[in-house]
Amino acid sequence: MARKKGKSVSFDAMVKFFIQHYNIPTRKDLDRLAQRLDLLEQLIRAQEGPARRGQRAKGPRKASATTAMDTVLAIIQRAHEGATVVEIKAKTGFDDKKIRNIIFRLTKLGRIVRKARGVYTAV
């Protein structure tokens, strides 16, 4: 027996269905988002007050916090026989990649020296 042909679905209807079904943002959604971002930027600028862009508000300067590099350097300086990466990781809680990057920078600056594999001492 021959099948009955139903009404064909237009391409536009298929696209609309997929956009709604898979929650794909439309141009209208992106325009609304851009308007909301503009409004937030205006509110932030309004709260900044008299300080203009690029200028710092007058007042006492805050002391800078200790950096991660300073923390690692202090640990290495305290270890007279040298500090290993495992010890530094245990004392700081930093991940391996961060410690490796800090040690690389400190070595390039000449503040620490590699005593043995994975053991570093302060200069």
N, C-alpha and C. Protein backbone atom coordinates (compact mmCIF):
# COMPACT_ATOMS: atom_id res chain seq x y z
N MET A 1 0.81 -1.18 0.00
CA MET A 1 0.00 0.00 0.00
C MET A 1 0.86 1.25 0.00
N ALA A 2 0.44 2.26 -0.65
CA ALA A 2 1.19 3.51 -0.73
C ALA A 2 0.94 4.34 0.52
N ARG A 3 2.02 4.96 1.00
CA ARG A 3 1.90 5.83 2.18
C ARG A 3 1.33 7.17 1.78
N LYS A 4 0.58 7.72 2.69
CA LYS A 4 0.06 9.05 2.45
C LYS A 4 1.13 10.08 2.73
N LYS A 5 1.23 11.05 1.87
CA LYS A 5 2.19 12.12 2.11
C LYS A 5 1.54 13.16 3.01
N GLY A 6 2.31 13.54 4.06
CA GLY A 6 1.80 14.58 4.94
C GLY A 6 2.29 15.94 4.47
N LYS A 7 1.92 16.93 5.19
CA LYS A 7 2.33 18.29 4.86
C LYS A 7 3.83 18.42 5.12
N SER A 8 4.57 18.95 4.17
CA SER A 8 6.01 19.09 4.34
C SER A 8 6.33 20.24 5.29
N VAL A 9 7.39 20.06 6.02
CA VAL A 9 7.80 21.06 7.01
C VAL A 9 8.78 22.02 6.35
N SER A 10 8.59 23.29 6.58
CA SER A 10 9.47 24.27 5.96
C SER A 10 10.83 24.28 6.67
N PHE A 11 11.82 24.74 5.95
CA PHE A 11 13.17 24.81 6.49
C PHE A 11 13.22 25.76 7.67
N ASP A 12 12.54 26.89 7.58
CA ASP A 12 12.51 27.87 8.67
C ASP A 12 11.93 27.27 9.94
N ALA A 13 10.89 26.46 9.79
CA ALA A 13 10.28 25.84 10.96
C ALA A 13 11.23 24.84 11.60
N MET A 14 12.00 24.12 10.78
CA MET A 14 12.97 23.17 11.32
C MET A 14 14.07 23.90 12.09
N VAL A 15 14.57 25.00 11.52
CA VAL A 15 15.62 25.78 12.18
C VAL A 15 15.11 26.33 13.51
N LYS A 16 13.89 26.87 13.49
CA LYS A 16 13.31 27.42 14.72
C LYS A 16 13.17 26.33 15.79
N PHE A 17 12.75 25.13 15.37
CA PHE A 17 12.61 24.02 16.31
C PHE A 17 13.95 23.69 16.95
N PHE A 18 15.02 23.57 16.15
CA PHE A 18 16.33 23.22 16.70
C PHE A 18 16.88 24.32 17.60
N ILE A 19 16.66 25.56 17.26
CA ILE A 19 17.12 26.68 18.10
C ILE A 19 16.44 26.62 19.46
N GLN A 20 15.14 26.37 19.47
CA GLN A 20 14.41 26.31 20.73
C GLN A 20 14.73 25.04 21.51
N HIS A 21 14.86 23.93 20.81
CA HIS A 21 15.10 22.65 21.47
C HIS A 21 16.48 22.59 22.11
N TYR A 22 17.50 23.14 21.46
CA TYR A 22 18.87 23.07 21.97
C TYR A 22 19.32 24.35 22.67
N ASN A 23 18.39 25.25 22.95
CA ASN A 23 18.66 26.50 23.67
C ASN A 23 19.82 27.29 23.06
N ILE A 24 19.78 27.45 21.76
CA ILE A 24 20.81 28.23 21.05
C ILE A 24 20.40 29.70 21.11
N PRO A 25 21.29 30.58 21.56
CA PRO A 25 20.91 31.99 21.65
C PRO A 25 20.73 32.61 20.26
N THR A 26 19.72 33.44 20.15
CA THR A 26 19.45 34.12 18.89
C THR A 26 20.05 35.51 18.93
N ARG A 27 19.96 36.21 17.82
CA ARG A 27 20.47 37.58 17.74
C ARG A 27 19.74 38.48 18.74
N LYS A 28 18.46 38.23 18.90
CA LYS A 28 17.66 39.01 19.85
C LYS A 28 18.17 38.80 21.27
N ASP A 29 18.49 37.54 21.61
CA ASP A 29 19.04 37.24 22.94
C ASP A 29 20.38 37.94 23.16
N LEU A 30 21.24 37.92 22.15
CA LEU A 30 22.54 38.57 22.26
C LEU A 30 22.41 40.09 22.39
N ASP A 31 21.45 40.67 21.68
CA ASP A 31 21.23 42.12 21.80
C ASP A 31 20.76 42.48 23.21
N ARG A 32 19.85 41.66 23.77
CA ARG A 32 19.40 41.90 25.15
C ARG A 32 20.54 41.79 26.14
N LEU A 33 21.40 40.81 25.93
CA LEU A 33 22.56 40.62 26.80
C LEU A 33 23.51 41.82 26.71
N ALA A 34 23.73 42.33 25.50
CA ALA A 34 24.60 43.49 25.32
C ALA A 34 24.02 44.72 26.02
N GLN A 35 22.70 44.88 25.95
CA GLN A 35 22.05 46.01 26.63
C GLN A 35 22.23 45.90 28.15
N ARG A 36 22.08 44.70 28.67
CA ARG A 36 22.24 44.51 30.12
C ARG A 36 23.68 44.78 30.55
N LEU A 37 24.65 44.36 29.73
CA LEU A 37 26.06 44.63 30.04
C LEU A 37 26.34 46.13 30.03
N ASP A 38 25.77 46.82 29.05
CA ASP A 38 25.94 48.28 28.99
C ASP A 38 25.38 48.94 30.24
N LEU A 39 24.21 48.48 30.68
CA LEU A 39 23.60 49.03 31.89
C LEU A 39 24.48 48.77 33.11
N LEU A 40 25.04 47.56 33.22
CA LEU A 40 25.92 47.25 34.34
C LEU A 40 27.18 48.13 34.31
N GLU A 41 27.75 48.34 33.14
CA GLU A 41 28.93 49.20 33.03
C GLU A 41 28.62 50.62 33.47
N GLN A 42 27.45 51.11 33.09
CA GLN A 42 27.05 52.46 33.50
C GLN A 42 26.89 52.54 35.01
N LEU A 43 26.31 51.52 35.62
CA LEU A 43 26.15 51.51 37.07
C LEU A 43 27.50 51.47 37.78
N ILE A 44 28.43 50.71 37.25
CA ILE A 44 29.76 50.63 37.85
C ILE A 44 30.46 51.97 37.74
N ARG A 45 30.38 52.59 36.58
CA ARG A 45 31.01 53.92 36.41
C ARG A 45 30.39 54.96 37.33
N ALA A 46 29.08 54.87 37.54
CA ALA A 46 28.40 55.83 38.41
C ALA A 46 28.84 55.67 39.86
N GLN A 47 29.16 54.45 40.28
CA GLN A 47 29.58 54.21 41.66
C GLN A 47 31.04 54.56 41.89
N GLU A 48 31.83 54.65 40.81
CA GLU A 48 33.25 54.96 40.97
C GLU A 48 33.46 56.35 41.56
N GLY A 49 32.57 57.25 41.27
CA GLY A 49 32.68 58.57 41.84
C GLY A 49 33.60 59.48 41.06
N PRO A 50 34.29 60.41 41.79
CA PRO A 50 35.06 61.45 41.11
C PRO A 50 36.33 60.96 40.43
N ALA A 51 36.83 59.81 40.80
CA ALA A 51 38.08 59.32 40.20
C ALA A 51 37.81 59.01 38.73
N ARG A 52 38.64 59.57 37.89
CA ARG A 52 38.50 59.33 36.46
C ARG A 52 39.28 58.10 36.06
N ARG A 53 39.01 57.66 34.89
CA ARG A 53 39.68 56.47 34.38
C ARG A 53 41.18 56.72 34.30
N GLY A 54 41.96 55.77 34.81
CA GLY A 54 43.41 55.89 34.77
C GLY A 54 43.97 56.62 35.97
N GLN A 55 43.13 57.22 36.78
CA GLN A 55 43.61 57.92 37.96
C GLN A 55 43.15 57.18 39.20
N ARG A 56 43.97 57.26 40.20
CA ARG A 56 43.68 56.61 41.46
C ARG A 56 43.00 57.60 42.39
N ALA A 57 42.01 57.14 43.15
CA ALA A 57 41.36 58.00 44.12
C ALA A 57 42.37 58.35 45.20
N LYS A 58 42.30 59.58 45.70
CA LYS A 58 43.26 60.01 46.71
C LYS A 58 42.95 59.35 48.03
N GLY A 59 44.01 59.07 48.75
CA GLY A 59 43.85 58.43 50.04
C GLY A 59 45.11 57.65 50.35
N PRO A 60 45.17 57.06 51.53
CA PRO A 60 46.37 56.31 51.88
C PRO A 60 46.53 55.08 50.99
N ARG A 61 47.75 54.78 50.66
CA ARG A 61 48.04 53.64 49.83
C ARG A 61 48.09 52.38 50.69
N LYS A 62 47.48 51.31 50.19
CA LYS A 62 47.48 50.06 50.93
C LYS A 62 48.79 49.32 50.71
N ALA A 63 49.24 48.63 51.73
CA ALA A 63 50.46 47.84 51.61
C ALA A 63 50.15 46.63 50.75
N SER A 64 51.06 46.30 49.85
CA SER A 64 50.81 45.17 48.95
C SER A 64 50.93 43.86 49.72
N ALA A 65 50.12 42.93 49.36
CA ALA A 65 50.13 41.63 50.02
C ALA A 65 51.34 40.84 49.55
N THR A 66 51.71 39.84 50.29
CA THR A 66 52.82 38.99 49.93
C THR A 66 52.45 38.18 48.70
N THR A 67 53.33 38.17 47.72
CA THR A 67 53.05 37.43 46.50
C THR A 67 53.42 35.97 46.68
N ALA A 68 52.98 35.15 45.75
CA ALA A 68 53.30 33.72 45.78
C ALA A 68 54.80 33.52 45.63
N MET A 69 55.44 34.36 44.83
CA MET A 69 56.88 34.25 44.64
C MET A 69 57.62 34.55 45.94
N ASP A 70 57.16 35.56 46.68
CA ASP A 70 57.77 35.90 47.96
C ASP A 70 57.60 34.76 48.97
N THR A 71 56.43 34.13 48.94
CA THR A 71 56.16 33.02 49.86
C THR A 71 57.11 31.85 49.61
N VAL A 72 57.26 31.48 48.34
CA VAL A 72 58.14 30.36 47.99
C VAL A 72 59.58 30.70 48.31
N LEU A 73 59.99 31.93 48.00
CA LEU A 73 61.37 32.35 48.29
C LEU A 73 61.65 32.30 49.80
N ALA A 74 60.70 32.71 50.62
CA ALA A 74 60.88 32.68 52.07
C ALA A 74 61.04 31.24 52.57
N ILE A 75 60.28 30.33 52.00
CA ILE A 75 60.39 28.91 52.41
C ILE A 75 61.77 28.38 52.04
N ILE A 76 62.25 28.72 50.85
CA ILE A 76 63.56 28.25 50.41
C ILE A 76 64.67 28.86 51.27
N GLN A 77 64.52 30.13 51.64
CA GLN A 77 65.54 30.80 52.46
C GLN A 77 65.60 30.19 53.86
N ARG A 78 64.47 29.77 54.40
CA ARG A 78 64.45 29.18 55.74
C ARG A 78 65.07 27.79 55.78
N ALA A 79 65.03 27.09 54.65
CA ALA A 79 65.58 25.73 54.59
C ALA A 79 67.08 25.83 54.32
N HIS A 80 67.90 25.56 55.32
CA HIS A 80 69.36 25.72 55.19
C HIS A 80 69.97 24.67 54.26
N GLU A 81 69.42 23.48 54.25
CA GLU A 81 69.95 22.41 53.40
C GLU A 81 69.28 22.38 52.05
N GLY A 82 68.36 23.28 51.82
CA GLY A 82 67.63 23.33 50.56
C GLY A 82 66.21 22.83 50.74
N ALA A 83 65.33 23.33 49.91
CA ALA A 83 63.92 22.94 49.99
C ALA A 83 63.55 22.15 48.74
N THR A 84 62.81 21.09 48.93
CA THR A 84 62.35 20.31 47.79
C THR A 84 60.99 20.82 47.34
N VAL A 85 60.63 20.43 46.14
CA VAL A 85 59.34 20.85 45.60
C VAL A 85 58.21 20.28 46.44
N VAL A 86 58.38 19.08 46.95
CA VAL A 86 57.35 18.44 47.79
C VAL A 86 57.16 19.23 49.08
N GLU A 87 58.26 19.69 49.68
CA GLU A 87 58.15 20.49 50.91
C GLU A 87 57.46 21.82 50.63
N ILE A 88 57.82 22.45 49.52
CA ILE A 88 57.21 23.73 49.17
C ILE A 88 55.72 23.54 48.94
N LYS A 89 55.36 22.47 48.25
CA LYS A 89 53.95 22.20 47.97
C LYS A 89 53.18 21.97 49.27
N ALA A 90 53.78 21.23 50.21
CA ALA A 90 53.11 20.95 51.48
C ALA A 90 52.91 22.22 52.30
N LYS A 91 53.90 23.12 52.28
CA LYS A 91 53.81 24.33 53.11
C LYS A 91 52.92 25.40 52.49
N THR A 92 52.88 25.47 51.16
CA THR A 92 52.10 26.53 50.51
C THR A 92 50.73 26.09 50.07
N GLY A 93 50.61 24.84 49.66
CA GLY A 93 49.34 24.37 49.13
C GLY A 93 49.16 24.70 47.66
N PHE A 94 50.20 25.24 47.02
CA PHE A 94 50.14 25.55 45.60
C PHE A 94 50.22 24.26 44.79
N ASP A 95 49.68 24.28 43.58
CA ASP A 95 49.79 23.09 42.73
C ASP A 95 51.17 23.03 42.07
N ASP A 96 51.49 21.88 41.50
CA ASP A 96 52.83 21.65 40.93
C ASP A 96 53.20 22.66 39.86
N LYS A 97 52.27 22.96 38.97
CA LYS A 97 52.55 23.86 37.86
C LYS A 97 52.94 25.26 38.37
N LYS A 98 52.22 25.74 39.36
CA LYS A 98 52.50 27.06 39.91
C LYS A 98 53.88 27.09 40.57
N ILE A 99 54.20 26.04 41.30
CA ILE A 99 55.52 25.97 41.96
C ILE A 99 56.63 25.91 40.92
N ARG A 100 56.45 25.11 39.87
CA ARG A 100 57.47 25.04 38.82
C ARG A 100 57.70 26.38 38.16
N ASN A 101 56.61 27.11 37.88
CA ASN A 101 56.73 28.43 37.26
C ASN A 101 57.45 29.41 38.18
N ILE A 102 57.12 29.39 39.46
CA ILE A 102 57.76 30.29 40.42
C ILE A 102 59.25 29.96 40.54
N ILE A 103 59.59 28.68 40.63
CA ILE A 103 60.99 28.28 40.74
C ILE A 103 61.76 28.69 39.49
N PHE A 104 61.14 28.53 38.33
CA PHE A 104 61.78 28.94 37.08
C PHE A 104 62.09 30.44 37.10
N ARG A 105 61.10 31.25 37.52
CA ARG A 105 61.31 32.70 37.56
C ARG A 105 62.37 33.09 38.57
N LEU A 106 62.35 32.48 39.75
CA LEU A 106 63.34 32.78 40.78
C LEU A 106 64.75 32.38 40.32
N THR A 107 64.85 31.28 39.59
CA THR A 107 66.15 30.86 39.06
C THR A 107 66.65 31.85 38.02
N LYS A 108 65.76 32.30 37.14
CA LYS A 108 66.14 33.28 36.11
C LYS A 108 66.56 34.61 36.74
N LEU A 109 65.92 34.98 37.84
CA LEU A 109 66.27 36.23 38.53
C LEU A 109 67.56 36.09 39.33
N GLY A 110 68.01 34.86 39.53
CA GLY A 110 69.23 34.63 40.27
C GLY A 110 69.05 34.64 41.78
N ARG A 111 67.85 34.46 42.25
CA ARG A 111 67.60 34.47 43.69
C ARG A 111 67.76 33.09 44.32
N ILE A 112 67.59 32.03 43.52
CA ILE A 112 67.79 30.68 44.04
C ILE A 112 68.69 29.91 43.07
N VAL A 113 69.26 28.83 43.60
CA VAL A 113 70.15 27.98 42.81
C VAL A 113 69.69 26.54 43.00
N ARG A 114 69.83 25.76 41.96
CA ARG A 114 69.47 24.35 42.05
C ARG A 114 70.64 23.58 42.65
N LYS A 115 70.43 23.01 43.81
CA LYS A 115 71.48 22.26 44.52
C LYS A 115 71.55 20.83 43.98
N ALA A 116 70.42 20.21 43.81
CA ALA A 116 70.31 18.87 43.24
C ALA A 116 68.95 18.82 42.55
N ARG A 117 68.64 17.68 41.97
CA ARG A 117 67.37 17.58 41.26
C ARG A 117 66.21 17.75 42.23
N GLY A 118 65.42 18.80 42.03
CA GLY A 118 64.27 19.06 42.88
C GLY A 118 64.59 19.72 44.21
N VAL A 119 65.86 20.10 44.43
CA VAL A 119 66.27 20.74 45.69
C VAL A 119 66.84 22.12 45.35
N TYR A 120 66.32 23.15 45.99
CA TYR A 120 66.73 24.51 45.70
C TYR A 120 67.16 25.23 46.96
N THR A 121 68.19 26.09 46.81
CA THR A 121 68.68 26.88 47.93
C THR A 121 68.71 28.35 47.52
N ALA A 122 68.61 29.22 48.52
CA ALA A 122 68.65 30.65 48.25
C ALA A 122 70.09 31.09 48.05
N VAL A 123 70.27 32.13 47.26
CA VAL A 123 71.62 32.67 47.00
C VAL A 123 72.00 33.64 48.08
